[in-house]
C-alpha atoms as a PDB file:
ATOM      1  CA  MET A   1     -94.874 -42.726  -7.674  1.00  0.00           C
ATOM      2  CA  VAL A   2     -98.280 -43.170  -7.373  1.00  0.00           C
ATOM      3  CA  ASN A   3     -98.445 -42.247  -4.085  1.00  0.00           C
ATOM      4  CA  VAL A   4     -95.951 -39.156  -3.036  1.00  0.00           C
ATOM      5  CA  ASP A   5     -96.799 -35.280  -2.627  1.00  0.00           C
ATOM      6  CA  GLU A   6     -94.214 -33.936  -5.622  1.00  0.00           C
ATOM      7  CA  ILE A   7     -91.651 -35.306  -7.688  1.00  0.00           C
ATOM      8  CA  ILE A   8     -88.757 -33.625  -9.162  1.00  0.00           C
ATOM      9  CA  GLY A   9     -87.201 -35.175 -12.074  1.00  0.00           C
ATOM     10  CA  LEU A  10     -83.477 -34.163 -13.325  1.00  0.00           C
ATOM     11  CA  CYS A  11     -83.072 -36.604 -15.786  1.00  0.00           C
ATOM     12  CA  ASP A  12     -80.686 -36.606 -19.290  1.00  0.00           C
ATOM     13  CA  THR A  13     -83.951 -38.577 -20.476  1.00  0.00           C
ATOM     14  CA  ARG A  14     -87.397 -37.660 -20.516  1.00  0.00           C
ATOM     15  CA  PHE A  15     -89.339 -39.747 -17.652  1.00  0.00           C
ATOM     16  CA  MET A  16     -92.493 -38.581 -18.211  1.00  0.00           C
ATOM     17  CA  GLN A  17     -92.513 -39.707 -21.535  1.00  0.00           C
ATOM     18  CA  THR A  18     -91.475 -43.375 -20.443  1.00  0.00           C
ATOM     19  CA  ASN A  19     -93.536 -43.360 -17.576  1.00  0.00           C
ATOM     20  CA  THR A  20     -96.619 -42.125 -19.012  1.00  0.00           C
ATOM     21  CA  CYS A  21     -99.244 -44.329 -17.730  1.00  0.00           C
ATOM     22  CA  THR A  22     -97.361 -43.758 -14.180  1.00  0.00           C
ATOM     23  CA  CYS A  23     -97.155 -40.177 -14.708  1.00  0.00           C
ATOM     24  CA  ARG A  24    -100.824 -39.984 -15.477  1.00  0.00           C
ATOM     25  CA  GLU A  25    -102.187 -41.776 -12.584  1.00  0.00           C
ATOM     26  CA  ALA A  26     -99.912 -39.886 -10.229  1.00  0.00           C
ATOM     27  CA  SER A  27    -100.833 -37.124 -11.765  1.00  0.00           C
ATOM     28  CA  GLU A  28    -104.719 -38.004 -11.461  1.00  0.00           C
ATOM     29  CA  ARG A  29    -103.731 -38.918  -7.499  1.00  0.00           C
ATOM     30  CA  GLY A  30    -102.711 -35.208  -6.843  1.00  0.00           C
ATOM     31  CA  THR A  31     -98.573 -35.791  -7.179  1.00  0.00           C
ATOM     32  CA  ARG A  32     -97.388 -32.701  -8.687  1.00  0.00           C
ATOM     33  CA  ILE A  33     -94.558 -33.396 -10.839  1.00  0.00           C
ATOM     34  CA  LEU A  34     -91.680 -30.781 -12.090  1.00  0.00           C
ATOM     35  CA  SER A  35     -89.107 -32.594 -15.308  1.00  0.00           C
ATOM     36  CA  ALA A  36     -86.319 -31.519 -16.672  1.00  0.00           C
ATOM     37  CA  VAL A  37     -83.697 -32.533 -18.981  1.00  0.00           C
ATOM     38  CA  ALA A  38     -80.865 -30.761 -17.861  1.00  0.00           C
ATOM     39  CA  ILE A  39     -78.498 -31.838 -21.149  1.00  0.00           C
ATOM     40  CA  TYR A  40     -76.290 -28.698 -21.994  1.00  0.00           C
ATOM     41  CA  ILE A  41     -77.964 -26.777 -18.394  1.00  0.00           C
ATOM     42  CA  GLU A  42     -77.094 -28.808 -15.653  1.00  0.00           C
ATOM     43  CA  GLU A  43     -75.341 -26.044 -13.963  1.00  0.00           C
ATOM     44  CA  TYR A  44     -78.259 -23.574 -14.654  1.00  0.00           C
ATOM     45  CA  ALA A  45     -80.862 -26.318 -13.561  1.00  0.00           C
ATOM     46  CA  ILE A  46     -79.038 -26.970 -10.206  1.00  0.00           C
ATOM     47  CA  ASN A  47     -79.051 -23.190  -9.702  1.00  0.00           C
ATOM     48  CA  GLY A  48     -82.398 -23.028 -10.583  1.00  0.00           C
ATOM     49  CA  VAL A  49     -83.657 -25.739  -8.120  1.00  0.00           C
ATOM     50  CA  VAL A  50     -81.088 -24.455  -5.206  1.00  0.00           C
ATOM     51  CA  VAL A  51     -81.695 -20.789  -5.131  1.00  0.00           C
ATOM     52  CA  GLY A  52     -84.509 -20.495  -6.790  1.00  0.00           C
ATOM     53  CA  VAL A  53     -86.016 -18.621  -9.930  1.00  0.00           C
ATOM     54  CA  ASP A  54     -88.487 -16.193 -10.431  1.00  0.00           C
ATOM     55  CA  CYS A  55     -91.023 -18.089 -11.779  1.00  0.00           C
ATOM     56  CA  GLU A  56     -94.116 -15.646 -11.184  1.00  0.00           C
ATOM     57  CA  THR A  57     -91.483 -13.132 -13.786  1.00  0.00           C
ATOM     58  CA  MET A  58     -91.305 -15.593 -16.183  1.00  0.00           C
ATOM     59  CA  ALA A  59     -94.801 -16.692 -16.438  1.00  0.00           C
ATOM     60  CA  GLN A  60     -95.758 -13.076 -17.149  1.00  0.00           C
ATOM     61  CA  ASN A  61     -93.031 -12.760 -19.472  1.00  0.00           C
ATOM     62  CA  GLY A  62     -94.114 -15.698 -20.872  1.00  0.00           C
ATOM     63  CA  ASN A  63     -97.741 -14.682 -21.247  1.00  0.00           C
ATOM     64  CA  VAL A  64     -96.484 -11.108 -23.435  1.00  0.00           C
ATOM     65  CA  ILE A  65     -94.859 -14.035 -25.798  1.00  0.00           C
ATOM     66  CA  CYS A  66     -98.452 -15.689 -25.838  1.00  0.00           C
ATOM     67  CA  GLU A  67    -100.470 -12.453 -26.642  1.00  0.00           C
ATOM     68  CA  LEU A  68     -98.451 -11.731 -29.475  1.00  0.00           C
ATOM     69  CA  TRP A  69     -98.515 -14.937 -31.139  1.00  0.00           C
ATOM     70  CA  ARG A  70    -102.214 -14.712 -30.496  1.00  0.00           C
ATOM     71  CA  LYS A  71    -102.257 -11.366 -32.637  1.00  0.00           C
ATOM     72  CA  ILE A  72    -100.169 -12.305 -35.553  1.00  0.00           C
ATOM     73  CA  LYS A  73    -101.071 -13.959 -38.589  1.00  0.00           C
ATOM     74  CA  ILE A  74     -98.430 -14.541 -40.581  1.00  0.00           C
ATOM     75  CA  CYS A  75     -94.431 -15.043 -39.079  1.00  0.00           C
ATOM     76  CA  ARG A  76     -91.496 -14.653 -40.584  1.00  0.00           C
ATOM     77  CA  ILE A  77     -87.754 -15.539 -39.460  1.00  0.00           C
ATOM     78  CA  THR A  78     -84.788 -14.364 -40.839  1.00  0.00           C
ATOM     79  CA  SER A  79     -81.399 -14.406 -39.730  1.00  0.00           C
ATOM     80  CA  THR A  80     -77.407 -13.850 -40.676  1.00  0.00           C
ATOM     81  CA  ILE A  81     -76.722 -17.431 -41.686  1.00  0.00           C
ATOM     82  CA  GLY A  82     -79.242 -17.731 -43.489  1.00  0.00           C
ATOM     83  CA  THR A  83     -82.818 -18.705 -42.409  1.00  0.00           C
ATOM     84  CA  ASP A  84     -85.885 -16.872 -43.641  1.00  0.00           C
ATOM     85  CA  ILE A  85     -88.717 -18.746 -42.880  1.00  0.00           C
ATOM     86  CA  SER A  86     -92.657 -17.739 -43.510  1.00  0.00           C
ATOM     87  CA  PHE A  87     -95.473 -19.326 -41.674  1.00  0.00           C
ATOM     88  CA  CYS A  88     -99.350 -18.795 -40.939  1.00  0.00           C
ATOM     89  CA  PHE A  89    -100.863 -19.197 -37.721  1.00  0.00           C
ATOM     90  CA  ARG A  90    -104.768 -17.952 -38.289  1.00  0.00           C
ATOM     91  CA  ASP A  91    -105.973 -18.435 -34.834  1.00  0.00           C
ATOM     92  CA  ARG A  92    -104.279 -21.377 -33.809  1.00  0.00           C
ATOM     93  CA  LEU A  93    -104.299 -22.194 -29.898  1.00  0.00           C
ATOM     94  CA  VAL A  94    -101.257 -20.665 -28.044  1.00  0.00           C
ATOM     95  CA  ILE A  95    -100.329 -22.651 -25.108  1.00  0.00           C
ATOM     96  CA  LEU A  96     -98.194 -21.175 -21.949  1.00  0.00           C
ATOM     97  CA  GLY A  97     -96.087 -23.824 -20.043  1.00  0.00           C
ATOM     98  CA  ASP A  98     -95.045 -22.325 -17.005  1.00  0.00           C
ATOM     99  CA  GLY A  99     -93.534 -24.430 -15.182  1.00  0.00           C
ATOM    100  CA  ILE A 100     -95.367 -23.753 -11.682  1.00  0.00           C
ATOM    101  CA  VAL A 101     -96.623 -26.746 -10.590  1.00  0.00           C
ATOM    102  CA  THR A 102     -98.206 -25.415  -6.931  1.00  0.00           C
ATOM    103  CA  GLU A 103    -101.135 -27.203  -7.083  1.00  0.00           C
ATOM    104  CA  PRO A 104    -102.262 -31.176  -6.578  1.00  0.00           C
ATOM    105  CA  GLY A 105    -102.262 -33.076  -9.977  1.00  0.00           C
ATOM    106  CA  LYS A 106    -100.131 -30.025 -11.959  1.00  0.00           C
ATOM    107  CA  ILE A 107     -97.150 -31.215 -13.985  1.00  0.00           C
ATOM    108  CA  GLY A 108     -94.621 -29.102 -15.313  1.00  0.00           C
ATOM    109  CA  PHE A 109     -91.392 -28.460 -16.857  1.00  0.00           C
ATOM    110  CA  PHE A 110     -88.455 -27.110 -15.599  1.00  0.00           C
ATOM    111  CA  PRO A 111     -86.553 -24.190 -16.154  1.00  0.00           C
ATOM    112  CA  GLY A 112     -90.305 -23.232 -16.805  1.00  0.00           C
ATOM    113  CA  VAL A 113     -91.852 -21.252 -19.342  1.00  0.00           C
ATOM    114  CA  GLN A 114     -92.268 -22.828 -22.838  1.00  0.00           C
ATOM    115  CA  VAL A 115     -95.052 -21.025 -25.075  1.00  0.00           C
ATOM    116  CA  SER A 116     -96.287 -23.195 -27.915  1.00  0.00           C
ATOM    117  CA  ILE A 117     -98.156 -22.959 -31.298  1.00  0.00           C
ATOM    118  CA  ALA A 118     -97.857 -24.417 -34.347  1.00  0.00           C
ATOM    119  CA  PRO A 119     -98.089 -22.741 -37.806  1.00  0.00           C
ATOM    120  CA  LEU A 120     -99.740 -24.307 -40.205  1.00  0.00           C
ATOM    121  CA  GLY A 121     -97.814 -26.861 -42.625  1.00  0.00           C
ATOM    122  CA  GLU A 122     -99.014 -26.438 -45.845  1.00  0.00           C
ATOM    123  CA  THR A 123     -98.519 -22.139 -44.629  1.00  0.00           C
ATOM    124  CA  ILE A 124     -94.474 -23.221 -43.897  1.00  0.00           C
ATOM    125  CA  ASN A 125     -91.783 -22.104 -46.996  1.00  0.00           C
ATOM    126  CA  GLY A 126     -88.522 -20.946 -46.952  1.00  0.00           C
ATOM    127  CA  ARG A 127     -85.216 -22.091 -45.267  1.00  0.00           C
ATOM    128  CA  ILE A 128     -84.150 -22.914 -41.946  1.00  0.00           C
ATOM    129  CA  VAL A 129     -80.235 -23.232 -41.294  1.00  0.00           C
ATOM    130  CA  VAL A 130     -79.079 -24.866 -37.723  1.00  0.00           C
ATOM    131  CA  ASP A 131     -76.007 -23.986 -36.276  1.00  0.00           C
ATOM    132  CA  GLY A 132     -76.509 -25.396 -32.841  1.00  0.00           C
ATOM    133  CA  SER A 133     -78.486 -28.964 -32.014  1.00  0.00           C
ATOM    134  CA  ILE A 134     -80.956 -30.800 -34.174  1.00  0.00           C
ATOM    135  CA  SER A 135     -82.622 -33.468 -32.859  1.00  0.00           C
ATOM    136  CA  PRO A 136     -81.807 -36.671 -33.187  1.00  0.00           C
ATOM    137  CA  GLY A 137     -78.287 -35.971 -33.664  1.00  0.00           C
ATOM    138  CA  GLY A 138     -77.318 -32.899 -31.342  1.00  0.00           C
ATOM    139  CA  ILE A 139     -74.630 -30.000 -31.584  1.00  0.00           C
ATOM    140  CA  VAL A 140     -73.900 -29.526 -35.319  1.00  0.00           C
ATOM    141  CA  LEU A 141     -70.268 -29.208 -36.547  1.00  0.00           C
ATOM    142  CA  SER A 142     -71.148 -27.917 -39.224  1.00  0.00           C
ATOM    143  CA  PRO A 143     -74.878 -25.813 -40.395  1.00  0.00           C
ATOM    144  CA  VAL A 144     -77.324 -27.602 -41.377  1.00  0.00           C
ATOM    145  CA  LYS A 145     -79.503 -26.535 -44.792  1.00  0.00           C
ATOM    146  CA  LEU A 146     -83.669 -27.348 -44.781  1.00  0.00           C
ATOM    147  CA  SER A 147     -85.336 -26.110 -47.400  1.00  0.00           C
ATOM    148  CA  LEU A 148     -89.505 -26.239 -47.043  1.00  0.00           C
ATOM    149  CA  GLU A 149     -92.303 -26.092 -49.457  1.00  0.00           C
ATOM    150  CA  LYS A 150     -95.968 -26.042 -48.179  1.00  0.00           C
ATOM    151  CA  GLY A 151     -94.333 -27.644 -44.911  1.00  0.00           C
ATOM    152  CA  VAL A 152     -92.731 -30.467 -46.550  1.00  0.00           C
ATOM    153  CA  ILE A 153     -88.594 -30.427 -46.418  1.00  0.00           C
ATOM    154  CA  THR A 154     -87.537 -30.332 -49.783  1.00  0.00           C
ATOM    155  CA  GLN A 155     -84.069 -30.584 -49.405  1.00  0.00           C
ATOM    156  CA  ILE A 156     -81.015 -31.241 -46.519  1.00  0.00           C
ATOM    157  CA  GLU A 157     -78.077 -29.536 -47.687  1.00  0.00           C
ATOM    158  CA  ASP A 158     -74.321 -29.282 -46.434  1.00  0.00           C
ATOM    159  CA  GLY A 159     -72.310 -31.654 -44.817  1.00  0.00           C
ATOM    160  CA  SER A 160     -71.936 -35.068 -42.507  1.00  0.00           C
ATOM    161  CA  ASP A 161     -74.556 -33.488 -39.884  1.00  0.00           C
ATOM    162  CA  ALA A 162     -77.077 -32.653 -42.719  1.00  0.00           C
ATOM    163  CA  ASN A 163     -76.452 -36.478 -44.185  1.00  0.00           C
ATOM    164  CA  ALA A 164     -76.630 -38.431 -41.032  1.00  0.00           C
ATOM    165  CA  TRP A 165     -79.563 -36.064 -39.903  1.00  0.00           C
ATOM    166  CA  ALA A 166     -81.525 -36.942 -43.480  1.00  0.00           C
ATOM    167  CA  ASN A 167     -80.782 -40.528 -43.128  1.00  0.00           C
END
């Protein structure tokens, strides 16, 4: 890995996390690395690599989201299935992973554009209802309900998926 110009990893694992030292050394030597965990998005990932995606437009959209996160101090998320949670950002760092690896040593993730920000833990209060995928565990058969107070999960409810995840 350390003696190549480009690496594209389409894996069912996060190869960059399991080969951290090798990836870091390759990046320092100028290798461009693009990684994708293509579980449940196999067709999308293959089409994106073969056909191409409009990375520039995706990055522009990601920048718009970054600007929104920078302006928002308190965020509240609600849903029809019961999620109702709020938290504060208070000038937290916003990071755009644009998935574009055109420069030597650049590392990115496909299918691109991930906007990352972390709320202040002690400001997280409310309920999150998961009806899709939860990690670890995968796709849930019935919704998992998490209650949080000051950033700490205080209750996990509903069914076998919730019980398995809690343990």
